[in-house]
C-alpha atoms as a PDB file:
ATOM      1  CA  MET A   1      -2.612  25.228 -42.413  1.00  0.00           C
ATOM      2  CA  ASN A   2      -6.009  23.705 -43.108  1.00  0.00           C
ATOM      3  CA  ASP A   3      -6.360  20.025 -42.458  1.00  0.00           C
ATOM      4  CA  SER A   4      -8.491  17.880 -44.652  1.00  0.00           C
ATOM      5  CA  PRO A   5     -11.688  16.545 -43.075  1.00  0.00           C
ATOM      6  CA  LYS A   6     -10.063  13.126 -42.893  1.00  0.00           C
ATOM      7  CA  LYS A   7      -7.034  14.497 -40.987  1.00  0.00           C
ATOM      8  CA  LYS A   8      -9.307  16.444 -38.629  1.00  0.00           C
ATOM      9  CA  PHE A   9     -11.359  13.306 -38.010  1.00  0.00           C
ATOM     10  CA  GLU A  10      -8.197  11.300 -37.283  1.00  0.00           C
ATOM     11  CA  LYS A  11      -6.978  13.961 -34.866  1.00  0.00           C
ATOM     12  CA  ASP A  12     -10.347  14.033 -33.133  1.00  0.00           C
ATOM     13  CA  GLN A  13     -10.348  10.236 -32.833  1.00  0.00           C
ATOM     14  CA  TYR A  14      -6.824  10.320 -31.445  1.00  0.00           C
ATOM     15  CA  LEU A  15      -7.838  12.901 -28.837  1.00  0.00           C
ATOM     16  CA  ILE A  16     -10.876  10.843 -27.855  1.00  0.00           C
ATOM     17  CA  GLU A  17      -8.701   7.747 -27.440  1.00  0.00           C
ATOM     18  CA  MET A  18      -6.164   9.699 -25.392  1.00  0.00           C
ATOM     19  CA  GLY A  19      -8.979  10.941 -23.161  1.00  0.00           C
ATOM     20  CA  GLN A  20     -10.166   7.365 -22.594  1.00  0.00           C
ATOM     21  CA  VAL A  21      -6.644   6.146 -21.850  1.00  0.00           C
ATOM     22  CA  THR A  22      -6.158   9.013 -19.415  1.00  0.00           C
ATOM     23  CA  LYS A  23      -9.461   8.210 -17.690  1.00  0.00           C
ATOM     24  CA  ASN A  24      -8.462   4.538 -17.364  1.00  0.00           C
ATOM     25  CA  LEU A  25      -5.067   5.486 -15.956  1.00  0.00           C
ATOM     26  CA  LYS A  26      -6.708   7.775 -13.430  1.00  0.00           C
ATOM     27  CA  GLU A  27      -9.050   4.978 -12.297  1.00  0.00           C
ATOM     28  CA  ASN A  28      -6.124   2.560 -12.000  1.00  0.00           C
ATOM     29  CA  VAL A  29      -4.121   5.057  -9.962  1.00  0.00           C
ATOM     30  CA  ARG A  30      -7.061   5.566  -7.600  1.00  0.00           C
ATOM     31  CA  GLU A  31      -7.419   1.812  -7.117  1.00  0.00           C
ATOM     32  CA  ILE A  32      -3.682   1.462  -6.464  1.00  0.00           C
ATOM     33  CA  ASP A  33      -3.899   4.315  -3.943  1.00  0.00           C
ATOM     34  CA  ARG A  34      -6.793   2.612  -2.129  1.00  0.00           C
ATOM     35  CA  THR A  35      -4.901  -0.673  -2.023  1.00  0.00           C
ATOM     36  CA  LEU A  36      -1.735   0.968  -0.714  1.00  0.00           C
ATOM     37  CA  SER A  37      -3.708   2.837   1.950  1.00  0.00           C
ATOM     38  CA  GLN A  38      -5.262  -0.430   3.124  1.00  0.00           C
ATOM     39  CA  GLN A  39      -1.877  -2.135   3.204  1.00  0.00           C
ATOM     40  CA  LYS A  40      -0.385   0.782   5.110  1.00  0.00           C
ATOM     41  CA  GLY A  41      -3.025   0.328   7.803  1.00  0.00           C
ATOM     42  CA  ILE A  42      -2.433  -3.418   7.942  1.00  0.00           C
ATOM     43  CA  ILE A  43       1.324  -2.932   8.261  1.00  0.00           C
ATOM     44  CA  LYS A  44       0.865  -0.287  10.966  1.00  0.00           C
ATOM     45  CA  ASN A  45      -1.381  -2.625  12.981  1.00  0.00           C
ATOM     46  CA  MET A  46       1.043  -5.478  12.496  1.00  0.00           C
ATOM     47  CA  GLY A  47       3.897  -3.317  13.792  1.00  0.00           C
ATOM     48  CA  GLN A  48       1.873  -2.341  16.857  1.00  0.00           C
ATOM     49  CA  ASN A  49       0.987  -5.977  17.511  1.00  0.00           C
ATOM     50  CA  MET A  50       4.641  -6.982  17.163  1.00  0.00           C
ATOM     51  CA  ASP A  51       5.660  -4.283  19.655  1.00  0.00           C
ATOM     52  CA  LYS A  52       3.095  -5.534  22.187  1.00  0.00           C
ATOM     53  CA  THR A  53       4.191  -9.119  21.667  1.00  0.00           C
ATOM     54  CA  ASN A  54       7.865  -8.188  22.086  1.00  0.00           C
ATOM     55  CA  LYS A  55       7.078  -6.443  25.370  1.00  0.00           C
ATOM     56  CA  LYS A  56       5.201  -9.508  26.610  1.00  0.00           C
ATOM     57  CA  MET A  57       8.063 -11.747  25.483  1.00  0.00           C
ATOM     58  CA  GLY A  58      10.544  -9.534  27.314  1.00  0.00           C
ATOM     59  CA  PHE A  59       8.477  -9.822  30.478  1.00  0.00           C
ATOM     60  CA  VAL A  60       8.313 -13.618  30.168  1.00  0.00           C
ATOM     61  CA  MET A  61      12.052 -13.858  29.482  1.00  0.00           C
ATOM     62  CA  ASP A  62      12.833 -11.712  32.533  1.00  0.00           C
ATOM     63  CA  LYS A  63      10.652 -13.895  34.765  1.00  0.00           C
ATOM     64  CA  LEU A  64      12.153 -17.040  33.252  1.00  0.00           C
ATOM     65  CA  GLY A  65      15.629 -15.679  33.934  1.00  0.00           C
ATOM     66  CA  LEU A  66      14.719 -15.031  37.579  1.00  0.00           C
ATOM     67  CA  LEU A  67      13.221 -18.482  37.890  1.00  0.00           C
ATOM     68  CA  LEU A  68      16.328 -20.132  36.484  1.00  0.00           C
ATOM     69  CA  LYS A  69      18.572 -18.136  38.867  1.00  0.00           C
ATOM     70  CA  THR A  70      16.565 -19.238  41.902  1.00  0.00           C
ATOM     71  CA  LYS A  71      16.432 -22.863  40.759  1.00  0.00           C
ATOM     72  CA  GLY A  72      20.161 -23.013  40.166  1.00  0.00           C
ATOM     73  CA  GLY A  73      21.261 -21.074  43.232  1.00  0.00           C
END
């Protein structure tokens, strides 16, 4: 099964194009991975900050509840 020079050239061009597309996809995937890693860190920090804030809010609410009991009693 011998291909003509034209067919071989077309196949070679196709393989070159596929290699370029694959390289571009790989670069895009790496960039997406970097972005997701950054967002993961941001979300983790946000969760930690929310936990700290909720604890502080709980403390304030407890003190407010005690204050309201003593004012009303």
